[in-house]
Protein backbone atom coordinates (compact mmCIF):
# COMPACT_ATOMS: atom_id res chain seq x y z
CA MET A 1 -0.02 0.01 0.02
CA ARG A 2 1.40 3.38 -0.96
CA ILE A 3 0.44 6.18 1.36
CA ALA A 4 1.08 9.90 1.16
CA LEU A 5 1.30 12.28 4.18
CA SER A 6 0.70 15.97 3.33
CA GLN A 7 2.48 18.03 5.97
CA MET A 8 0.66 21.23 5.03
CA LEU A 9 0.57 24.52 6.87
CA SER A 10 -3.07 25.46 7.33
CA THR A 11 -4.11 29.07 7.26
CA ALA A 12 -7.29 30.63 8.76
CA SER A 13 -8.95 30.34 5.31
CA PRO A 14 -10.77 27.08 4.50
CA GLU A 15 -10.77 27.98 0.79
CA GLU A 16 -7.03 28.45 0.72
CA ASN A 17 -6.45 25.23 2.61
CA LEU A 18 -8.79 23.44 0.21
CA ALA A 19 -6.68 24.59 -2.75
CA VAL A 20 -3.63 22.97 -1.03
CA ILE A 21 -5.45 19.76 -0.44
CA GLU A 22 -6.51 19.54 -4.05
CA ALA A 23 -2.98 20.19 -5.25
CA GLN A 24 -1.32 17.80 -2.87
CA ALA A 25 -3.96 15.06 -3.61
CA ARG A 26 -3.03 15.43 -7.32
CA ASP A 27 0.61 15.13 -6.50
CA ALA A 28 -0.01 12.06 -4.25
CA ALA A 29 -2.11 10.33 -7.03
CA ALA A 30 0.61 11.13 -9.61
CA ALA A 31 3.12 9.40 -7.27
CA GLY A 32 0.94 6.36 -7.16
CA ALA A 33 -0.47 6.68 -3.75
CA GLU A 34 -3.73 4.94 -2.73
CA VAL A 35 -4.21 6.91 0.51
CA ALA A 36 -3.51 10.59 1.10
CA VAL A 37 -3.59 11.89 4.66
CA PHE A 38 -3.83 15.52 5.61
CA PRO A 39 -3.40 16.95 9.19
CA GLU A 40 -5.89 17.71 11.88
CA ALA A 41 -7.23 21.22 11.38
CA ALA A 42 -6.52 21.06 7.65
CA MET A 43 -9.82 22.99 7.15
CA ALA A 44 -8.61 25.95 9.29
CA ARG A 45 -5.70 26.23 11.74
CA PHE A 46 -6.21 26.42 15.48
CA GLY A 47 -5.93 29.86 17.01
CA VAL A 48 -8.98 31.34 15.23
CA PRO A 49 -12.66 31.12 16.16
CA LEU A 50 -13.77 27.63 14.96
CA GLY A 51 -17.61 28.14 15.10
CA PRO A 52 -17.66 30.40 12.02
CA VAL A 53 -15.72 28.00 9.89
CA ALA A 54 -17.37 24.78 10.97
CA GLU A 55 -19.58 23.05 8.36
CA PRO A 56 -21.60 19.91 8.30
CA LEU A 57 -20.40 16.87 6.43
CA ASP A 58 -22.77 17.61 3.52
CA GLY A 59 -21.54 21.25 3.38
CA PRO A 60 -19.51 22.73 0.53
CA TRP A 61 -16.08 22.20 2.04
CA ALA A 62 -16.62 18.47 2.60
CA ARG A 63 -18.19 18.15 -0.89
CA ARG A 64 -15.13 19.60 -2.44
CA VAL A 65 -12.91 17.06 -0.60
CA ARG A 66 -15.14 14.29 -1.77
CA GLU A 67 -14.87 15.54 -5.36
CA THR A 68 -11.11 15.59 -5.04
CA ALA A 69 -11.13 12.01 -3.78
CA ARG A 70 -13.21 10.93 -6.75
CA ALA A 71 -11.10 12.85 -9.20
CA THR A 72 -7.86 11.44 -7.95
CA GLY A 73 -8.95 7.94 -7.02
CA LEU A 74 -7.54 8.28 -3.58
CA LEU A 75 -8.87 7.53 -0.07
CA LEU A 76 -8.58 11.07 1.55
CA VAL A 77 -8.41 11.76 5.21
CA ALA A 78 -8.60 15.42 6.27
CA GLY A 79 -9.20 17.23 9.48
CA MET A 80 -12.12 19.64 9.56
CA PHE A 81 -14.61 21.10 12.05
CA THR A 82 -18.35 20.28 12.15
CA PRO A 83 -21.12 21.79 14.30
CA ALA A 84 -21.64 19.89 17.58
CA GLY A 85 -25.12 21.25 18.39
CA ASP A 86 -24.20 22.61 21.86
CA GLY A 87 -22.47 25.79 20.71
CA ARG A 88 -19.17 23.95 20.24
CA VAL A 89 -17.70 22.20 17.20
CA THR A 90 -16.48 18.67 16.72
CA ASN A 91 -12.95 18.04 15.61
CA THR A 92 -13.73 15.63 12.76
CA LEU A 93 -11.73 13.56 10.29
CA LEU A 94 -13.46 13.35 6.95
CA ILE A 95 -12.55 9.87 5.52
CA THR A 96 -13.69 9.60 1.88
CA GLY A 97 -12.92 7.97 -1.38
CA ARG A 98 -12.45 4.54 -2.93
CA GLY A 99 -15.89 3.39 -1.79
CA ILE A 100 -15.51 4.73 1.76
CA ASP A 101 -17.32 7.71 3.29
CA THR A 102 -17.29 8.08 7.04
CA ARG A 103 -16.08 10.29 9.85
CA TYR A 104 -14.08 10.04 13.03
CA ASP A 105 -14.64 12.61 15.84
CA LYS A 106 -11.63 13.08 18.12
CA LEU A 107 -12.15 11.21 21.37
CA HIS A 108 -9.53 12.76 23.65
CA LEU A 109 -9.51 16.58 23.71
CA PHE A 110 -6.36 18.52 24.28
CA ASP A 111 -6.91 19.88 27.75
CA ALA A 112 -3.16 20.02 28.58
CA PHE A 113 -0.17 22.27 28.45
CA GLY A 114 -2.32 25.26 29.19
CA PHE A 115 -4.67 24.69 26.21
CA THR A 116 -8.39 23.81 26.72
CA GLU A 117 -9.76 22.30 23.61
CA SER A 118 -12.90 21.14 25.35
CA ALA A 119 -14.01 24.69 25.79
CA THR A 120 -14.76 24.99 22.14
CA VAL A 121 -14.76 21.36 20.91
CA ALA A 122 -17.14 18.59 21.86
CA PRO A 123 -15.66 14.96 22.13
CA GLY A 124 -16.56 12.06 19.94
CA GLY A 125 -17.89 8.89 21.26
CA ARG A 126 -16.88 5.90 19.06
CA LEU A 127 -13.97 4.05 17.50
CA VAL A 128 -13.83 4.16 13.70
CA THR A 129 -12.19 1.72 11.27
CA ALA A 130 -12.67 1.37 7.49
CA ASP A 131 -11.65 -1.40 5.10
CA LEU A 132 -9.60 -0.50 2.00
CA ASP A 133 -8.92 -3.40 -0.44
CA GLY A 134 -9.06 -5.94 2.45
CA VAL A 135 -6.91 -3.84 4.80
CA ARG A 136 -8.58 -2.46 7.93
CA ILE A 137 -7.51 1.06 8.90
CA GLY A 138 -8.12 2.71 12.22
CA PHE A 139 -8.28 6.44 12.91
CA ALA A 140 -7.15 8.71 15.73
CA THR A 141 -6.35 12.40 16.05
CA CYS A 142 -3.39 14.13 17.69
CA TYR A 143 -3.73 13.99 21.56
CA ASP A 144 -5.39 10.54 21.07
CA ILE A 145 -1.80 9.28 20.60
CA ARG A 146 -1.20 9.60 24.32
CA PHE A 147 -3.80 6.90 25.00
CA PRO A 148 -2.52 3.37 24.22
CA ALA A 149 -5.83 1.63 24.96
CA LEU A 150 -7.37 3.29 21.89
CA PHE A 151 -4.72 1.88 19.58
CA GLN A 152 -4.96 -1.58 21.17
CA ALA A 153 -8.77 -1.47 20.72
CA LEU A 154 -8.40 -0.49 17.09
CA ALA A 155 -5.87 -3.35 16.61
CA GLU A 156 -8.27 -5.83 18.24
CA ASP A 157 -10.92 -4.66 15.87
CA GLY A 158 -8.67 -5.78 13.09
CA ALA A 159 -6.74 -2.55 12.19
CA ARG A 160 -3.29 -3.04 10.61
CA LEU A 161 -2.67 0.61 9.92
CA VAL A 162 -3.70 3.55 12.15
CA VAL A 163 -3.77 7.01 10.60
CA VAL A 164 -3.22 9.87 13.02
CA PRO A 165 -3.70 13.40 11.67
CA ALA A 166 -2.30 15.96 14.11
CA SER A 167 -1.68 19.64 14.87
CA TRP A 168 0.93 19.06 17.58
CA GLY A 169 1.59 21.86 20.06
CA ALA A 170 5.08 23.35 20.13
CA GLY A 171 7.20 23.63 23.31
CA PRO A 172 10.23 22.25 25.18
CA GLY A 173 10.45 18.51 24.64
CA LYS A 174 7.27 18.30 22.52
CA ARG A 175 9.09 16.96 19.38
CA GLU A 176 10.70 14.30 21.40
CA GLN A 177 7.37 13.32 22.95
CA TRP A 178 5.72 13.17 19.56
CA GLU A 179 8.35 10.84 18.16
CA VAL A 180 8.35 8.60 21.17
CA LEU A 181 4.56 8.40 21.28
CA VAL A 182 4.21 7.52 17.62
CA ARG A 183 6.70 4.71 17.86
CA ALA A 184 5.20 3.50 21.19
CA ARG A 185 1.72 3.27 19.81
CA ALA A 186 3.04 1.16 16.98
CA LEU A 187 4.60 -1.25 19.52
CA ASP A 188 1.46 -1.19 21.66
CA SER A 189 -0.81 -2.16 18.86
CA THR A 190 1.69 -3.93 16.45
CA CYS A 191 0.20 -1.78 13.73
CA TRP A 192 1.71 0.56 11.19
CA ILE A 193 1.23 4.15 12.41
CA ALA A 194 0.96 6.96 9.84
CA ALA A 195 1.09 10.16 11.85
CA CYS A 196 0.63 13.31 9.72
CA GLY A 197 1.21 16.65 11.42
CA GLN A 198 0.86 20.33 10.57
CA ALA A 199 4.12 21.86 9.40
CA ASP A 200 5.96 24.21 11.84
CA PRO A 201 4.91 27.78 10.99
CA LEU A 202 8.50 28.92 11.86
CA SER A 203 9.89 26.67 9.14
CA ALA A 204 7.98 28.77 6.59
CA GLY A 205 8.77 32.17 8.00
CA GLY A 206 5.58 32.48 10.11
CA THR A 207 5.02 32.73 13.78
CA PRO A 208 3.09 30.50 16.27
CA SER A 209 -0.43 31.67 16.98
CA GLY A 210 -0.81 32.69 20.60
CA GLY A 211 -0.08 29.35 22.18
CA ALA A 212 -2.53 27.50 19.96
CA PRO A 213 -1.30 24.04 18.72
CA THR A 214 -0.32 25.00 15.18
CA GLY A 215 2.12 22.22 14.45
CA ILE A 216 5.77 21.18 14.60
CA GLY A 217 5.99 19.01 11.56
CA HIS A 218 8.01 15.74 11.79
CA SER A 219 5.26 13.59 10.24
CA MET A 220 6.27 9.95 10.61
CA VAL A 221 5.38 6.45 9.50
CA ALA A 222 6.31 3.91 12.12
CA SER A 223 6.52 0.07 11.60
CA PRO A 224 4.70 -2.47 13.76
CA LEU A 225 7.91 -2.96 15.69
CA GLY A 226 8.27 0.80 16.35
CA GLU A 227 10.92 1.54 13.71
CA VAL A 228 10.96 4.83 11.89
CA HIS A 229 10.02 3.82 8.34
CA ALA A 230 9.85 7.36 6.86
CA ALA A 231 9.72 10.88 8.29
CA LEU A 232 9.73 14.52 7.37
CA GLY A 233 11.37 17.52 9.09
CA PRO A 234 9.55 20.64 10.29
CA GLU A 235 8.86 22.33 6.88
CA PRO A 236 5.84 21.70 4.62
CA GLY A 237 6.14 18.64 2.43
CA LEU A 238 4.58 15.55 0.93
CA LEU A 239 5.90 12.19 2.21
CA VAL A 240 5.06 9.25 -0.14
CA THR A 241 6.10 5.84 1.10
CA ASP A 242 5.13 2.15 0.69
CA ILE A 243 4.03 -0.08 3.57
CA ASP A 244 3.18 -3.77 3.69
CA PRO A 245 0.15 -4.23 5.90
CA GLY A 246 0.47 -7.97 5.73
CA GLY A 247 3.78 -9.68 6.50
CA PRO A 248 5.34 -7.16 8.86
CA VAL A 249 2.18 -6.97 10.99
CA ASP A 250 1.87 -10.77 11.10
CA ARG A 251 5.51 -11.14 12.05
CA ALA A 252 5.31 -8.50 14.71
CA ARG A 253 2.24 -10.13 16.25
CA THR A 254 4.03 -13.45 16.29
CA THR A 255 7.33 -12.13 17.70
CA VAL A 256 5.82 -9.71 20.29
CA PRO A 257 2.24 -10.85 20.83
CA VAL A 258 1.23 -8.07 23.12
CA LEU A 259 -2.39 -8.19 22.02
CA ALA A 260 -2.65 -11.90 22.71
CA ASN A 261 -0.73 -11.69 26.01
CA ARG A 262 -2.66 -8.72 27.36
CA ARG A 263 -4.27 -9.57 30.69
CA ARG A 264 -7.94 -8.81 30.99
CA ASP A 265 -8.74 -10.77 34.17
CA LEU A 266 -7.05 -8.52 36.70
CA PRO A 267 -9.23 -7.21 39.58
CA GLY A 268 -9.16 -3.50 40.36
CA PRO A 269 -7.04 -2.24 43.20
CA GLY A 270 -8.47 -2.63 46.67
């Protein structure tokens, strides 16, 4: 399976960001990719009011992404914001193309490092997987990567690849945490992990946006044994790489059968 990670640098304009998605999707398709992953907040960067840009999944922004998926023949995964119904928005992945059309709403909200995502974003409530040409893919978003049980649950549901769009917050030690967490979740789940982040605004001559998590780059694909298979630096770019969702996953699950060995019979403390 050939996958492409678009490490874009979202602006506050959904229309500008859509143009980047369309161009990067064409480049990914030309490179032979089957899946193209765009970051969390690909619709509009964090640090701006999200309510005014949020649209339903049948709105014009999502329709254009679907049209791009059809035109390129790709499975596209892109972060957007949808109305939540309680005055907040939902941090949503639109997953569309190649016979698939579904959504994943971010489960774990980034109430950490001084940022309170839950003030403006409502949490999702379900795991999501999709089958592409016989390969089950799981989905997670950014802060979700700190929660190993989610990745183990996706693997136990049959996932062999977990796609993780992100807009990782900058700060001391945050790059190191990102890299360790991506590789650790691969080991926890014995899945491929394709983690696609927003580029670092500083790498393109911009400035961070008032403490909002606007990205650090360093998108990465990690193997089921936690090896760095492919990676980018901080600047915008398109990473295209091949993974084998068959043999390497099977071998990892035979060599280090953490899913099979996991204890489920332990009583609670007391």
